[in-house]
């Protein structure tokens, strides 16, 4: 069975991001992803406050009733 775990190679060691759920001695294949930007990968999932500032616009009539739904509004 194939299990995939992400990690980082540094100073002759592979450091996995999580502990594998493997109970016995196993063979492994290590693939090096050249040209990847580790800083960019580590920032994935982190929120940047104000990241969409100026990109989202709310129309002036945002709170106005929708014409098609007037019959359902009380």
C-alpha atoms as a PDB file:
ATOM      1  CA  UNK A   1       0.000   0.000   0.000  1.00  0.00           C
ATOM      2  CA  UNK A   2       1.217   3.518  -0.775  1.00  0.00           C
ATOM      3  CA  UNK A   3       1.293   6.208   1.929  1.00  0.00           C
ATOM      4  CA  UNK A   4       2.298   9.790   1.169  1.00  0.00           C
ATOM      5  CA  UNK A   5       3.726  12.163   3.775  1.00  0.00           C
ATOM      6  CA  UNK A   6       5.069  15.665   3.236  1.00  0.00           C
ATOM      7  CA  UNK A   7       8.266  16.858   4.838  1.00  0.00           C
ATOM      8  CA  UNK A   8      11.455  18.821   4.406  1.00  0.00           C
ATOM      9  CA  UNK A   9      15.040  17.736   3.733  1.00  0.00           C
ATOM     10  CA  UNK A  10      17.628  19.733   5.627  1.00  0.00           C
ATOM     11  CA  UNK A  11      21.199  18.999   6.750  1.00  0.00           C
ATOM     12  CA  UNK A  12      21.089  15.363   5.608  1.00  0.00           C
ATOM     13  CA  UNK A  13      17.793  14.549   7.320  1.00  0.00           C
ATOM     14  CA  UNK A  14      14.200  14.209   6.140  1.00  0.00           C
ATOM     15  CA  UNK A  15      11.839  15.782   8.673  1.00  0.00           C
ATOM     16  CA  UNK A  16       8.234  14.686   8.146  1.00  0.00           C
ATOM     17  CA  UNK A  17       5.337  17.043   8.846  1.00  0.00           C
ATOM     18  CA  UNK A  18       3.423  14.261  10.622  1.00  0.00           C
ATOM     19  CA  UNK A  19       4.222  10.899  12.189  1.00  0.00           C
ATOM     20  CA  UNK A  20       3.502   8.009   9.791  1.00  0.00           C
ATOM     21  CA  UNK A  21       1.061   5.351  10.965  1.00  0.00           C
ATOM     22  CA  UNK A  22       3.431   2.526   9.934  1.00  0.00           C
ATOM     23  CA  UNK A  23       4.031  -0.257  12.470  1.00  0.00           C
ATOM     24  CA  UNK A  24       6.772  -2.299  10.777  1.00  0.00           C
ATOM     25  CA  UNK A  25      10.018  -1.730   8.909  1.00  0.00           C
ATOM     26  CA  UNK A  26       9.200  -0.365   5.444  1.00  0.00           C
ATOM     27  CA  UNK A  27      11.024   0.637   2.302  1.00  0.00           C
ATOM     28  CA  UNK A  28      10.635   4.264   1.249  1.00  0.00           C
ATOM     29  CA  UNK A  29      11.099   6.358  -1.875  1.00  0.00           C
ATOM     30  CA  UNK A  30      12.142   9.975  -1.368  1.00  0.00           C
ATOM     31  CA  UNK A  31      11.334  12.478  -4.115  1.00  0.00           C
ATOM     32  CA  UNK A  32      12.940  15.912  -4.026  1.00  0.00           C
ATOM     33  CA  UNK A  33      10.765  18.717  -5.397  1.00  0.00           C
ATOM     34  CA  UNK A  34      13.300  21.116  -6.871  1.00  0.00           C
ATOM     35  CA  UNK A  35      12.373  24.687  -7.571  1.00  0.00           C
ATOM     36  CA  UNK A  36       9.679  24.855  -4.906  1.00  0.00           C
ATOM     37  CA  UNK A  37       9.487  27.891  -2.697  1.00  0.00           C
ATOM     38  CA  UNK A  38       9.366  26.592   0.886  1.00  0.00           C
ATOM     39  CA  UNK A  39       8.425  29.976   2.316  1.00  0.00           C
ATOM     40  CA  UNK A  40       5.434  30.172  -0.023  1.00  0.00           C
ATOM     41  CA  UNK A  41       4.331  26.600   0.830  1.00  0.00           C
ATOM     42  CA  UNK A  42       4.598  27.283   4.564  1.00  0.00           C
ATOM     43  CA  UNK A  43       2.407  30.379   4.218  1.00  0.00           C
ATOM     44  CA  UNK A  44      -0.415  28.464   2.504  1.00  0.00           C
ATOM     45  CA  UNK A  45      -3.416  28.421   4.785  1.00  0.00           C
ATOM     46  CA  UNK A  46      -2.318  31.452   6.790  1.00  0.00           C
ATOM     47  CA  UNK A  47      -4.674  34.394   6.568  1.00  0.00           C
ATOM     48  CA  UNK A  48      -3.326  37.784   5.691  1.00  0.00           C
ATOM     49  CA  UNK A  49      -5.379  40.586   7.203  1.00  0.00           C
ATOM     50  CA  UNK A  50      -6.507  43.044   4.567  1.00  0.00           C
ATOM     51  CA  UNK A  51      -5.416  40.750   1.752  1.00  0.00           C
ATOM     52  CA  UNK A  52      -8.501  41.610  -0.340  1.00  0.00           C
ATOM     53  CA  UNK A  53      -8.597  45.313   0.523  1.00  0.00           C
ATOM     54  CA  UNK A  54      -9.751  47.290  -2.491  1.00  0.00           C
ATOM     55  CA  UNK A  55     -10.719  44.159  -4.460  1.00  0.00           C
ATOM     56  CA  UNK A  56     -14.256  43.694  -3.152  1.00  0.00           C
ATOM     57  CA  UNK A  57     -16.885  46.273  -3.956  1.00  0.00           C
ATOM     58  CA  UNK A  58     -20.391  46.389  -2.467  1.00  0.00           C
ATOM     59  CA  UNK A  59     -23.002  48.106  -4.647  1.00  0.00           C
ATOM     60  CA  UNK A  60     -24.871  51.085  -3.164  1.00  0.00           C
ATOM     61  CA  UNK A  61     -28.211  49.253  -3.449  1.00  0.00           C
ATOM     62  CA  UNK A  62     -26.956  46.137  -1.633  1.00  0.00           C
ATOM     63  CA  UNK A  63     -29.637  46.389   1.109  1.00  0.00           C
ATOM     64  CA  UNK A  64     -32.499  47.114  -1.286  1.00  0.00           C
ATOM     65  CA  UNK A  65     -35.114  44.378  -1.843  1.00  0.00           C
ATOM     66  CA  UNK A  66     -34.547  42.179  -4.860  1.00  0.00           C
ATOM     67  CA  UNK A  67     -37.186  42.884  -7.511  1.00  0.00           C
ATOM     68  CA  UNK A  68     -37.873  39.181  -8.186  1.00  0.00           C
ATOM     69  CA  UNK A  69     -38.538  38.496  -4.491  1.00  0.00           C
ATOM     70  CA  UNK A  70     -40.921  41.384  -3.731  1.00  0.00           C
ATOM     71  CA  UNK A  71     -43.911  39.000  -3.590  1.00  0.00           C
ATOM     72  CA  UNK A  72     -42.234  37.020  -0.783  1.00  0.00           C
ATOM     73  CA  UNK A  73     -41.134  40.016   1.324  1.00  0.00           C
ATOM     74  CA  UNK A  74     -43.388  41.309   4.091  1.00  0.00           C
END
